[in-house]
């Protein structure tokens, strides 16, 4: 009987914890990097973005819904772009449209991420 009560309390605790709203996790640059890493060859001048690249761009777009998330993602992308040797800025700017993703900004070295 005592064991059943302990089990019932444990289940109740798990259910209560599951119902607690979790704080939104901010966009993390390491995660952004992992999503767009497959795009490296394209932004260095390759002919077209791969399916894996476009999937990452779409995933990032889906995850960055709030203004603060979009600004964080923008700052991450800007930092990543600055670190790419032989960056083809035209390809970087056209990445999202080539993938069929409607970002409210273009990836570039000079974007003002506070305005997105």
PDB file of N, CA and C in Angstrom:
ATOM      1  N   UNK A   1       0.816  -1.187   0.000  1.00  0.00           N
ATOM      2  CA  UNK A   1       0.000   0.000   0.000  1.00  0.00           C
ATOM      3  C   UNK A   1       0.865   1.259   0.000  1.00  0.00           C
ATOM      4  N   UNK A   2       1.900   1.274   0.847  1.00  0.00           N
ATOM      5  CA  UNK A   2       2.795   2.430   0.902  1.00  0.00           C
ATOM      6  C   UNK A   2       3.528   2.597  -0.422  1.00  0.00           C
ATOM      7  N   UNK A   3       3.883   1.487  -1.024  1.00  0.00           N
ATOM      8  CA  UNK A   3       4.582   1.552  -2.309  1.00  0.00           C
ATOM      9  C   UNK A   3       3.678   2.153  -3.390  1.00  0.00           C
ATOM     10  N   UNK A   4       2.419   1.809  -3.375  1.00  0.00           N
ATOM     11  CA  UNK A   4       1.464   2.355  -4.335  1.00  0.00           C
ATOM     12  C   UNK A   4       1.309   3.858  -4.136  1.00  0.00           C
ATOM     13  N   UNK A   5       1.308   4.313  -2.879  1.00  0.00           N
ATOM     14  CA  UNK A   5       1.190   5.744  -2.609  1.00  0.00           C
ATOM     15  C   UNK A   5       2.429   6.501  -3.085  1.00  0.00           C
ATOM     16  N   UNK A   6       3.596   5.915  -2.883  1.00  0.00           N
ATOM     17  CA  UNK A   6       4.839   6.540  -3.352  1.00  0.00           C
ATOM     18  C   UNK A   6       4.821   6.629  -4.873  1.00  0.00           C
ATOM     19  N   UNK A   7       4.387   5.562  -5.524  1.00  0.00           N
ATOM     20  CA  UNK A   7       4.322   5.554  -6.989  1.00  0.00           C
ATOM     21  C   UNK A   7       3.329   6.603  -7.479  1.00  0.00           C
ATOM     22  N   UNK A   8       2.184   6.704  -6.813  1.00  0.00           N
ATOM     23  CA  UNK A   8       1.179   7.696  -7.184  1.00  0.00           C
ATOM     24  C   UNK A   8       1.728   9.111  -7.018  1.00  0.00           C
ATOM     25  N   UNK A   9       2.455   9.355  -5.941  1.00  0.00           N
ATOM     26  CA  UNK A   9       3.063  10.670  -5.723  1.00  0.00           C
ATOM     27  C   UNK A   9       4.105  10.977  -6.801  1.00  0.00           C
ATOM     28  N   UNK A  10       4.880   9.981  -7.183  1.00  0.00           N
ATOM     29  CA  UNK A  10       5.897  10.181  -8.220  1.00  0.00           C
ATOM     30  C   UNK A  10       5.244  10.524  -9.548  1.00  0.00           C
ATOM     31  N   UNK A  11       4.182   9.810  -9.895  1.00  0.00           N
ATOM     32  CA  UNK A  11       3.464  10.091 -11.144  1.00  0.00           C
ATOM     33  C   UNK A  11       2.870  11.493 -11.096  1.00  0.00           C
ATOM     34  N   UNK A  12       2.280  11.869  -9.963  1.00  0.00           N
ATOM     35  CA  UNK A  12       1.702  13.205  -9.826  1.00  0.00           C
ATOM     36  C   UNK A  12       2.772  14.282  -9.983  1.00  0.00           C
ATOM     37  N   UNK A  13       3.946  14.054  -9.407  1.00  0.00           N
ATOM     38  CA  UNK A  13       5.042  15.015  -9.523  1.00  0.00           C
ATOM     39  C   UNK A  13       5.491  15.167 -10.975  1.00  0.00           C
ATOM     40  N   UNK A  14       5.615  14.055 -11.676  1.00  0.00           N
ATOM     41  CA  UNK A  14       6.008  14.100 -13.087  1.00  0.00           C
ATOM     42  C   UNK A  14       4.980  14.870 -13.897  1.00  0.00           C
ATOM     43  N   UNK A  15       3.704  14.622 -13.644  1.00  0.00           N
ATOM     44  CA  UNK A  15       2.651  15.331 -14.376  1.00  0.00           C
ATOM     45  C   UNK A  15       2.668  16.824 -14.076  1.00  0.00           C
ATOM     46  N   UNK A  16       2.916  17.188 -12.816  1.00  0.00           N
ATOM     47  CA  UNK A  16       2.987  18.612 -12.469  1.00  0.00           C
ATOM     48  C   UNK A  16       4.170  19.281 -13.158  1.00  0.00           C
ATOM     49  N   UNK A  17       5.307  18.615 -13.184  1.00  0.00           N
ATOM     50  CA  UNK A  17       6.486  19.189 -13.837  1.00  0.00           C
ATOM     51  C   UNK A  17       6.277  19.320 -15.333  1.00  0.00           C
ATOM     52  N   UNK A  18       5.570  18.370 -15.918  1.00  0.00           N
ATOM     53  CA  UNK A  18       5.313  18.429 -17.355  1.00  0.00           C
ATOM     54  C   UNK A  18       4.394  19.593 -17.698  1.00  0.00           C
ATOM     55  N   UNK A  19       3.549  19.992 -16.765  1.00  0.00           N
ATOM     56  CA  UNK A  19       2.602  21.071 -17.018  1.00  0.00           C
ATOM     57  C   UNK A  19       3.205  22.454 -16.825  1.00  0.00           C
ATOM     58  N   UNK A  20       4.361  22.550 -16.189  1.00  0.00           N
ATOM     59  CA  UNK A  20       4.998  23.842 -15.946  1.00  0.00           C
ATOM     60  C   UNK A  20       5.538  24.383 -17.264  1.00  0.00           C
ATOM     61  N   UNK A  21       5.135  25.599 -17.649  1.00  0.00           N
ATOM     62  CA  UNK A  21       5.666  26.150 -18.900  1.00  0.00           C
ATOM     63  C   UNK A  21       7.167  26.382 -18.793  1.00  0.00           C
ATOM     64  N   UNK A  22       7.848  26.056 -19.842  1.00  0.00           N
ATOM     65  CA  UNK A  22       9.301  26.237 -19.877  1.00  0.00           C
ATOM     66  C   UNK A  22       9.629  27.581 -20.511  1.00  0.00           C
ATOM     67  N   UNK A  23      10.671  28.192 -20.019  1.00  0.00           N
ATOM     68  CA  UNK A  23      11.127  29.456 -20.600  1.00  0.00           C
ATOM     69  C   UNK A  23      11.648  29.184 -22.004  1.00  0.00           C
ATOM     70  N   UNK A  24      11.373  30.088 -22.890  1.00  0.00           N
ATOM     71  CA  UNK A  24      11.857  29.942 -24.260  1.00  0.00           C
ATOM     72  C   UNK A  24      13.380  30.006 -24.270  1.00  0.00           C
ATOM     73  N   UNK A  25      13.963  29.123 -25.020  1.00  0.00           N
ATOM     74  CA  UNK A  25      15.417  29.087 -25.128  1.00  0.00           C
ATOM     75  C   UNK A  25      15.825  30.010 -26.269  1.00  0.00           C
ATOM     76  N   UNK A  26      16.745  30.896 -25.985  1.00  0.00           N
ATOM     77  CA  UNK A  26      17.214  31.827 -27.014  1.00  0.00           C
ATOM     78  C   UNK A  26      17.970  31.068 -28.095  1.00  0.00           C
ATOM     79  N   UNK A  27      18.013  31.653 -29.256  1.00  0.00           N
ATOM     80  CA  UNK A  27      18.763  31.077 -30.367  1.00  0.00           C
ATOM     81  C   UNK A  27      20.235  31.031 -29.979  1.00  0.00           C
ATOM     82  N   UNK A  28      20.844  29.899 -30.151  1.00  0.00           N
ATOM     83  CA  UNK A  28      22.243  29.669 -29.791  1.00  0.00           C
ATOM     84  C   UNK A  28      23.082  29.617 -31.067  1.00  0.00           C
ATOM     85  N   UNK A  29      24.196  30.355 -31.089  1.00  0.00           N
ATOM     86  CA  UNK A  29      25.025  30.418 -32.299  1.00  0.00           C
ATOM     87  C   UNK A  29      25.614  29.063 -32.681  1.00  0.00           C
ATOM     88  N   UNK A  30      25.896  28.227 -31.713  1.00  0.00           N
ATOM     89  CA  UNK A  30      26.385  26.892 -32.037  1.00  0.00           C
ATOM     90  C   UNK A  30      25.348  26.098 -32.807  1.00  0.00           C
ATOM     91  N   UNK A  31      24.088  26.244 -32.409  1.00  0.00           N
ATOM     92  CA  UNK A  31      22.994  25.566 -33.106  1.00  0.00           C
ATOM     93  C   UNK A  31      22.811  26.148 -34.509  1.00  0.00           C
ATOM     94  N   UNK A  32      22.856  27.475 -34.608  1.00  0.00           N
ATOM     95  CA  UNK A  32      22.737  28.129 -35.922  1.00  0.00           C
ATOM     96  C   UNK A  32      23.850  27.631 -36.842  1.00  0.00           C
ATOM     97  N   UNK A  33      25.063  27.570 -36.319  1.00  0.00           N
ATOM     98  CA  UNK A  33      26.201  27.097 -37.110  1.00  0.00           C
ATOM     99  C   UNK A  33      25.958  25.677 -37.616  1.00  0.00           C
ATOM    100  N   UNK A  34      25.440  24.821 -36.760  1.00  0.00           N
ATOM    101  CA  UNK A  34      25.202  23.439 -37.192  1.00  0.00           C
ATOM    102  C   UNK A  34      24.117  23.370 -38.261  1.00  0.00           C
ATOM    103  N   UNK A  35      23.143  24.265 -38.208  1.00  0.00           N
ATOM    104  CA  UNK A  35      22.077  24.273 -39.214  1.00  0.00           C
ATOM    105  C   UNK A  35      22.568  24.753 -40.574  1.00  0.00           C
ATOM    106  N   UNK A  36      23.446  25.761 -40.575  1.00  0.00           N
ATOM    107  CA  UNK A  36      23.866  26.346 -41.857  1.00  0.00           C
ATOM    108  C   UNK A  36      25.214  25.831 -42.354  1.00  0.00           C
ATOM    109  N   UNK A  37      25.872  24.995 -41.583  1.00  0.00           N
ATOM    110  CA  UNK A  37      27.171  24.448 -42.008  1.00  0.00           C
ATOM    111  C   UNK A  37      27.101  23.774 -43.388  1.00  0.00           C
ATOM    112  N   UNK A  38      26.012  23.058 -43.709  1.00  0.00           N
ATOM    113  CA  UNK A  38      25.934  22.455 -45.045  1.00  0.00           C
ATOM    114  C   UNK A  38      25.883  23.483 -46.185  1.00  0.00           C
ATOM    115  N   UNK A  39      25.721  24.755 -45.856  1.00  0.00           N
ATOM    116  CA  UNK A  39      25.650  25.812 -46.873  1.00  0.00           C
ATOM    117  C   UNK A  39      27.020  26.379 -47.221  1.00  0.00           C
ATOM    118  N   UNK A  40      28.060  25.914 -46.552  1.00  0.00           N
ATOM    119  CA  UNK A  40      29.389  26.506 -46.707  1.00  0.00           C
ATOM    120  C   UNK A  40      29.847  26.527 -48.156  1.00  0.00           C
ATOM    121  N   UNK A  41      29.719  25.422 -48.868  1.00  0.00           N
ATOM    122  CA  UNK A  41      30.220  25.401 -50.251  1.00  0.00           C
ATOM    123  C   UNK A  41      29.468  26.406 -51.121  1.00  0.00           C
ATOM    124  N   UNK A  42      28.160  26.567 -50.885  1.00  0.00           N
ATOM    125  CA  UNK A  42      27.397  27.526 -51.680  1.00  0.00           C
ATOM    126  C   UNK A  42      27.835  28.956 -51.392  1.00  0.00           C
ATOM    127  N   UNK A  43      27.997  29.315 -50.117  1.00  0.00           N
ATOM    128  CA  UNK A  43      28.358  30.703 -49.807  1.00  0.00           C
ATOM    129  C   UNK A  43      29.818  31.006 -50.122  1.00  0.00           C
ATOM    130  N   UNK A  44      30.575  29.980 -50.481  1.00  0.00           N
ATOM    131  CA  UNK A  44      31.943  30.200 -50.958  1.00  0.00           C
ATOM    132  C   UNK A  44      31.991  30.196 -52.483  1.00  0.00           C
ATOM    133  N   UNK A  45      30.831  30.208 -53.130  1.00  0.00           N
ATOM    134  CA  UNK A  45      30.795  30.328 -54.580  1.00  0.00           C
ATOM    135  C   UNK A  45      30.280  29.110 -55.311  1.00  0.00           C
ATOM    136  N   UNK A  46      29.808  28.105 -54.588  1.00  0.00           N
ATOM    137  CA  UNK A  46      29.272  26.900 -55.226  1.00  0.00           C
ATOM    138  C   UNK A  46      28.037  27.208 -56.060  1.00  0.00           C
ATOM    139  N   UNK A  47      27.660  26.282 -56.953  1.00  0.00           N
ATOM    140  CA  UNK A  47      26.587  26.551 -57.908  1.00  0.00           C
ATOM    141  C   UNK A  47      25.185  26.656 -57.301  1.00  0.00           C
ATOM    142  N   UNK A  48      24.868  25.853 -56.308  1.00  0.00           N
ATOM    143  CA  UNK A  48      23.535  25.926 -55.709  1.00  0.00           C
ATOM    144  C   UNK A  48      23.570  25.308 -54.315  1.00  0.00           C
ATOM    145  N   UNK A  49      22.670  25.760 -53.437  1.00  0.00           N
ATOM    146  CA  UNK A  49      22.641  25.188 -52.088  1.00  0.00           C
ATOM    147  C   UNK A  49      22.088  23.763 -52.122  1.00  0.00           C
ATOM    148  N   UNK A  50      22.616  22.922 -51.262  1.00  0.00           N
ATOM    149  CA  UNK A  50      22.165  21.530 -51.191  1.00  0.00           C
ATOM    150  C   UNK A  50      20.816  21.446 -50.479  1.00  0.00           C
ATOM    151  N   UNK A  51      20.182  20.306 -50.602  1.00  0.00           N
ATOM    152  CA  UNK A  51      18.931  20.074 -49.886  1.00  0.00           C
ATOM    153  C   UNK A  51      19.124  20.150 -48.386  1.00  0.00           C
ATOM    154  N   UNK A  52      20.248  19.629 -47.908  1.00  0.00           N
ATOM    155  CA  UNK A  52      20.541  19.677 -46.475  1.00  0.00           C
ATOM    156  C   UNK A  52      20.726  21.128 -46.025  1.00  0.00           C
ATOM    157  N   UNK A  53      21.379  21.921 -46.845  1.00  0.00           N
ATOM    158  CA  UNK A  53      21.555  23.345 -46.555  1.00  0.00           C
ATOM    159  C   UNK A  53      20.191  24.023 -46.448  1.00  0.00           C
ATOM    160  N   UNK A  54      19.356  23.825 -47.449  1.00  0.00           N
ATOM    161  CA  UNK A  54      18.039  24.474 -47.453  1.00  0.00           C
ATOM    162  C   UNK A  54      17.175  23.992 -46.291  1.00  0.00           C
ATOM    163  N   UNK A  55      17.321  22.731 -45.920  1.00  0.00           N
ATOM    164  CA  UNK A  55      16.601  22.230 -44.754  1.00  0.00           C
ATOM    165  C   UNK A  55      17.026  22.951 -43.490  1.00  0.00           C
ATOM    166  N   UNK A  56      18.318  23.230 -43.364  1.00  0.00           N
ATOM    167  CA  UNK A  56      18.820  23.962 -42.207  1.00  0.00           C
ATOM    168  C   UNK A  56      18.336  25.395 -42.185  1.00  0.00           C
ATOM    169  N   UNK A  57      18.316  26.039 -43.352  1.00  0.00           N
ATOM    170  CA  UNK A  57      17.833  27.421 -43.446  1.00  0.00           C
ATOM    171  C   UNK A  57      16.350  27.469 -43.072  1.00  0.00           C
ATOM    172  N   UNK A  58      15.571  26.510 -43.569  1.00  0.00           N
ATOM    173  CA  UNK A  58      14.140  26.451 -43.246  1.00  0.00           C
ATOM    174  C   UNK A  58      13.928  26.195 -41.756  1.00  0.00           C
ATOM    175  N   UNK A  59      14.715  25.303 -41.201  1.00  0.00           N
ATOM    176  CA  UNK A  59      14.612  24.998 -39.773  1.00  0.00           C
ATOM    177  C   UNK A  59      14.928  26.231 -38.926  1.00  0.00           C
ATOM    178  N   UNK A  60      15.967  26.945 -39.297  1.00  0.00           N
ATOM    179  CA  UNK A  60      16.322  28.165 -38.571  1.00  0.00           C
ATOM    180  C   UNK A  60      15.188  29.183 -38.658  1.00  0.00           C
ATOM    181  N   UNK A  61      14.635  29.345 -39.837  1.00  0.00           N
ATOM    182  CA  UNK A  61      13.518  30.278 -40.029  1.00  0.00           C
ATOM    183  C   UNK A  61      12.333  29.887 -39.135  1.00  0.00           C
ATOM    184  N   UNK A  62      12.040  28.600 -39.067  1.00  0.00           N
ATOM    185  CA  UNK A  62      10.924  28.128 -38.247  1.00  0.00           C
ATOM    186  C   UNK A  62      11.172  28.351 -36.759  1.00  0.00           C
ATOM    187  N   UNK A  63      12.416  28.274 -36.340  1.00  0.00           N
ATOM    188  CA  UNK A  63      12.755  28.418 -34.923  1.00  0.00           C
ATOM    189  C   UNK A  63      12.848  29.874 -34.483  1.00  0.00           C
ATOM    190  N   UNK A  64      13.132  30.771 -35.397  1.00  0.00           N
ATOM    191  CA  UNK A  64      13.327  32.191 -35.055  1.00  0.00           C
ATOM    192  C   UNK A  64      12.038  32.966 -35.317  1.00  0.00           C
ATOM    193  N   UNK A  65      11.050  32.777 -34.455  1.00  0.00           N
ATOM    194  CA  UNK A  65       9.747  33.393 -34.666  1.00  0.00           C
ATOM    195  C   UNK A  65       9.605  34.758 -33.997  1.00  0.00           C
ATOM    196  N   UNK A  66      10.214  34.945 -32.853  1.00  0.00           N
ATOM    197  CA  UNK A  66      10.087  36.235 -32.166  1.00  0.00           C
ATOM    198  C   UNK A  66      11.144  37.211 -32.694  1.00  0.00           C
ATOM    199  N   UNK A  67      10.914  38.478 -32.439  1.00  0.00           N
ATOM    200  CA  UNK A  67      11.877  39.495 -32.877  1.00  0.00           C
ATOM    201  C   UNK A  67      13.246  39.242 -32.251  1.00  0.00           C
ATOM    202  N   UNK A  68      13.275  38.919 -30.964  1.00  0.00           N
ATOM    203  CA  UNK A  68      14.569  38.681 -30.311  1.00  0.00           C
ATOM    204  C   UNK A  68      15.259  37.448 -30.889  1.00  0.00           C
ATOM    205  N   UNK A  69      14.488  36.419 -31.247  1.00  0.00           N
ATOM    206  CA  UNK A  69      15.082  35.235 -31.880  1.00  0.00           C
ATOM    207  C   UNK A  69      15.644  35.579 -33.259  1.00  0.00           C
ATOM    208  N   UNK A  70      14.893  36.375 -34.034  1.00  0.00           N
ATOM    209  CA  UNK A  70      15.377  36.773 -35.369  1.00  0.00           C
ATOM    210  C   UNK A  70      16.653  37.597 -35.251  1.00  0.00           C
ATOM    211  N   UNK A  71      16.702  38.494 -34.267  1.00  0.00           N
ATOM    212  CA  UNK A  71      17.902  39.305 -34.071  1.00  0.00           C
ATOM    213  C   UNK A  71      19.082  38.442 -33.642  1.00  0.00           C
ATOM    214  N   UNK A  72      18.829  37.487 -32.766  1.00  0.00           N
ATOM    215  CA  UNK A  72      19.903  36.588 -32.328  1.00  0.00           C
ATOM    216  C   UNK A  72      20.406  35.753 -33.503  1.00  0.00           C
ATOM    217  N   UNK A  73      19.483  35.206 -34.299  1.00  0.00           N
ATOM    218  CA  UNK A  73      19.876  34.409 -35.464  1.00  0.00           C
ATOM    219  C   UNK A  73      20.658  35.260 -36.453  1.00  0.00           C
ATOM    220  N   UNK A  74      20.201  36.484 -36.676  1.00  0.00           N
ATOM    221  CA  UNK A  74      20.886  37.406 -37.582  1.00  0.00           C
ATOM    222  C   UNK A  74      22.312  37.667 -37.108  1.00  0.00           C
ATOM    223  N   UNK A  75      22.470  37.954 -35.817  1.00  0.00           N
ATOM    224  CA  UNK A  75      23.814  38.204 -35.284  1.00  0.00           C
ATOM    225  C   UNK A  75      24.701  36.971 -35.403  1.00  0.00           C
ATOM    226  N   UNK A  76      24.125  35.800 -35.183  1.00  0.00           N
ATOM    227  CA  UNK A  76      24.900  34.563 -35.353  1.00  0.00           C
ATOM    228  C   UNK A  76      25.344  34.411 -36.806  1.00  0.00           C
ATOM    229  N   UNK A  77      24.402  34.596 -37.738  1.00  0.00           N
ATOM    230  CA  UNK A  77      24.731  34.446 -39.160  1.00  0.00           C
ATOM    231  C   UNK A  77      25.778  35.465 -39.595  1.00  0.00           C
ATOM    232  N   UNK A  78      25.663  36.679 -39.088  1.00  0.00           N
ATOM    233  CA  UNK A  78      26.634  37.725 -39.416  1.00  0.00           C
ATOM    234  C   UNK A  78      28.019  37.332 -38.915  1.00  0.00           C
ATOM    235  N   UNK A  79      28.090  36.830 -37.698  1.00  0.00           N
ATOM    236  CA  UNK A  79      29.369  36.380 -37.149  1.00  0.00           C
ATOM    237  C   UNK A  79      29.942  35.202 -37.912  1.00  0.00           C
ATOM    238  N   UNK A  80      29.074  34.263 -38.273  1.00  0.00           N
ATOM    239  CA  UNK A  80      29.517  33.106 -39.054  1.00  0.00           C
ATOM    240  C   UNK A  80      30.047  33.568 -40.400  1.00  0.00           C
ATOM    241  N   UNK A  81      29.322  34.482 -41.051  1.00  0.00           N
ATOM    242  CA  UNK A  81      29.741  34.986 -42.365  1.00  0.00           C
ATOM    243  C   UNK A  81      31.109  35.657 -42.281  1.00  0.00           C
ATOM    244  N   UNK A  82      31.346  36.398 -41.206  1.00  0.00           N
ATOM    245  CA  UNK A  82      32.648  37.068 -41.044  1.00  0.00           C
ATOM    246  C   UNK A  82      33.795  36.071 -40.955  1.00  0.00           C
ATOM    247  N   UNK A  83      33.512  34.880 -40.470  1.00  0.00           N
ATOM    248  CA  UNK A  83      34.556  33.873 -40.306  1.00  0.00           C
ATOM    249  C   UNK A  83      34.770  32.976 -41.512  1.00  0.00           C
ATOM    250  N   UNK A  84      33.997  33.184 -42.571  1.00  0.00           N
ATOM    251  CA  UNK A  84      34.114  32.318 -43.752  1.00  0.00           C
ATOM    252  C   UNK A  84      35.157  32.876 -44.704  1.00  0.00           C
ATOM    253  N   UNK A  85      36.170  32.075 -44.954  1.00  0.00           N
ATOM    254  CA  UNK A  85      37.214  32.439 -45.910  1.00  0.00           C
ATOM    255  C   UNK A  85      36.621  32.360 -47.315  1.00  0.00           C
ATOM    256  N   UNK A  86      36.885  33.348 -48.143  1.00  0.00           N
ATOM    257  CA  UNK A  86      36.380  33.404 -49.522  1.00  0.00           C
ATOM    258  C   UNK A  86      34.857  33.461 -49.592  1.00  0.00           C
ATOM    259  N   UNK A  87      34.236  34.226 -48.708  1.00  0.00           N
ATOM    260  CA  UNK A  87      32.786  34.370 -48.728  1.00  0.00           C
ATOM    261  C   UNK A  87      32.349  35.054 -50.016  1.00  0.00           C
ATOM    262  N   UNK A  88      31.413  34.456 -50.723  1.00  0.00           N
ATOM    263  CA  UNK A  88      30.795  35.063 -51.891  1.00  0.00           C
ATOM    264  C   UNK A  88      29.537  35.761 -51.369  1.00  0.00           C
ATOM    265  N   UNK A  89      29.613  37.082 -51.209  1.00  0.00           N
ATOM    266  CA  UNK A  89      28.506  37.812 -50.585  1.00  0.00           C
ATOM    267  C   UNK A  89      27.219  37.741 -51.397  1.00  0.00           C
ATOM    268  N   UNK A  90      27.324  37.665 -52.720  1.00  0.00           N
ATOM    269  CA  UNK A  90      26.113  37.526 -53.537  1.00  0.00           C
ATOM    270  C   UNK A  90      25.409  36.210 -53.221  1.00  0.00           C
ATOM    271  N   UNK A  91      26.179  35.132 -53.102  1.00  0.00           N
ATOM    272  CA  UNK A  91      25.577  33.844 -52.765  1.00  0.00           C
ATOM    273  C   UNK A  91      25.011  33.862 -51.347  1.00  0.00           C
ATOM    274  N   UNK A  92      25.709  34.506 -50.426  1.00  0.00           N
ATOM    275  CA  UNK A  92      25.201  34.590 -49.052  1.00  0.00           C
ATOM    276  C   UNK A  92      23.865  35.326 -49.023  1.00  0.00           C
ATOM    277  N   UNK A  93      23.768  36.437 -49.748  1.00  0.00           N
ATOM    278  CA  UNK A  93      22.524  37.211 -49.795  1.00  0.00           C
ATOM    279  C   UNK A  93      21.386  36.420 -50.426  1.00  0.00           C
ATOM    280  N   UNK A  94      21.713  35.605 -51.421  1.00  0.00           N
ATOM    281  CA  UNK A  94      20.664  34.885 -52.149  1.00  0.00           C
ATOM    282  C   UNK A  94      20.335  33.525 -51.546  1.00  0.00           C
ATOM    283  N   UNK A  95      21.006  33.146 -50.473  1.00  0.00           N
ATOM    284  CA  UNK A  95      20.831  31.807 -49.907  1.00  0.00           C
ATOM    285  C   UNK A  95      19.376  31.508 -49.551  1.00  0.00           C
ATOM    286  N   UNK A  96      18.767  32.323 -48.724  1.00  0.00           N
ATOM    287  CA  UNK A  96      17.389  32.052 -48.301  1.00  0.00           C
ATOM    288  C   UNK A  96      16.428  32.016 -49.491  1.00  0.00           C
ATOM    289  N   UNK A  97      16.452  33.020 -50.384  1.00  0.00           N
ATOM    290  CA  UNK A  97      15.550  32.951 -51.537  1.00  0.00           C
ATOM    291  C   UNK A  97      15.783  31.708 -52.416  1.00  0.00           C
ATOM    292  N   UNK A  98      17.040  31.317 -52.598  1.00  0.00           N
ATOM    293  CA  UNK A  98      17.334  30.113 -53.394  1.00  0.00           C
ATOM    294  C   UNK A  98      16.740  28.869 -52.746  1.00  0.00           C
ATOM    295  N   UNK A  99      16.626  28.910 -51.411  1.00  0.00           N
ATOM    296  CA  UNK A  99      16.060  27.778 -50.673  1.00  0.00           C
ATOM    297  C   UNK A  99      14.543  27.895 -50.525  1.00  0.00           C
ATOM    298  N   UNK A 100      13.966  28.959 -51.074  1.00  0.00           N
ATOM    299  CA  UNK A 100      12.526  29.148 -50.970  1.00  0.00           C
ATOM    300  C   UNK A 100      12.077  29.596 -49.587  1.00  0.00           C
ATOM    301  N   UNK A 101      12.987  30.218 -48.843  1.00  0.00           N
ATOM    302  CA  UNK A 101      12.683  30.679 -47.486  1.00  0.00           C
ATOM    303  C   UNK A 101      12.619  32.201 -47.506  1.00  0.00           C
ATOM    304  N   UNK A 102      11.553  32.741 -46.973  1.00  0.00           N
ATOM    305  CA  UNK A 102      11.346  34.185 -46.979  1.00  0.00           C
ATOM    306  C   UNK A 102      11.821  34.792 -45.658  1.00  0.00           C
ATOM    307  N   UNK A 103      13.128  35.013 -45.551  1.00  0.00           N
ATOM    308  CA  UNK A 103      13.671  35.668 -44.362  1.00  0.00           C
ATOM    309  C   UNK A 103      13.401  37.165 -44.455  1.00  0.00           C
ATOM    310  N   UNK A 104      13.196  37.823 -43.316  1.00  0.00           N
ATOM    311  CA  UNK A 104      12.971  39.267 -43.341  1.00  0.00           C
ATOM    312  C   UNK A 104      14.271  40.061 -43.467  1.00  0.00           C
ATOM    313  N   UNK A 105      15.358  39.385 -43.791  1.00  0.00           N
ATOM    314  CA  UNK A 105      16.656  40.034 -43.975  1.00  0.00           C
ATOM    315  C   UNK A 105      17.509  39.153 -44.869  1.00  0.00           C
ATOM    316  N   UNK A 106      18.587  39.737 -45.408  1.00  0.00           N
ATOM    317  CA  UNK A 106      19.544  38.980 -46.216  1.00  0.00           C
ATOM    318  C   UNK A 106      20.815  38.797 -45.405  1.00  0.00           C
ATOM    319  N   UNK A 107      21.445  37.674 -45.575  1.00  0.00           N
ATOM    320  CA  UNK A 107      22.698  37.407 -44.880  1.00  0.00           C
ATOM    321  C   UNK A 107      23.791  38.235 -45.539  1.00  0.00           C
ATOM    322  N   UNK A 108      24.415  39.100 -44.757  1.00  0.00           N
ATOM    323  CA  UNK A 108      25.510  39.916 -45.278  1.00  0.00           C
ATOM    324  C   UNK A 108      26.393  40.348 -44.117  1.00  0.00           C
ATOM    325  N   UNK A 109      27.553  40.857 -44.460  1.00  0.00           N
ATOM    326  CA  UNK A 109      28.494  41.305 -43.437  1.00  0.00           C
ATOM    327  C   UNK A 109      28.088  42.625 -42.797  1.00  0.00           C
ATOM    328  N   UNK A 110      27.271  43.401 -43.496  1.00  0.00           N
ATOM    329  CA  UNK A 110      26.951  44.743 -43.010  1.00  0.00           C
ATOM    330  C   UNK A 110      25.496  44.913 -42.561  1.00  0.00           C
ATOM    331  N   UNK A 111      24.779  43.831 -42.370  1.00  0.00           N
ATOM    332  CA  UNK A 111      23.377  43.942 -41.966  1.00  0.00           C
ATOM    333  C   UNK A 111      23.267  44.504 -40.549  1.00  0.00           C
ATOM    334  N   UNK A 112      22.263  45.333 -40.330  1.00  0.00           N
ATOM    335  CA  UNK A 112      21.966  45.853 -38.997  1.00  0.00           C
ATOM    336  C   UNK A 112      20.935  44.917 -38.369  1.00  0.00           C
ATOM    337  N   UNK A 113      21.398  44.014 -37.526  1.00  0.00           N
ATOM    338  CA  UNK A 113      20.515  43.000 -36.949  1.00  0.00           C
ATOM    339  C   UNK A 113      19.491  43.585 -35.980  1.00  0.00           C
ATOM    340  N   UNK A 114      19.694  44.803 -35.517  1.00  0.00           N
ATOM    341  CA  UNK A 114      18.701  45.435 -34.643  1.00  0.00           C
ATOM    342  C   UNK A 114      17.450  45.829 -35.407  1.00  0.00           C
ATOM    343  N   UNK A 115      17.539  45.876 -36.733  1.00  0.00           N
ATOM    344  CA  UNK A 115      16.400  46.311 -37.538  1.00  0.00           C
ATOM    345  C   UNK A 115      15.562  45.146 -38.064  1.00  0.00           C
ATOM    346  N   UNK A 116      15.936  43.909 -37.738  1.00  0.00           N
ATOM    347  CA  UNK A 116      15.164  42.770 -38.266  1.00  0.00           C
ATOM    348  C   UNK A 116      14.049  42.373 -37.320  1.00  0.00           C
TER     349      UNK A 116
END
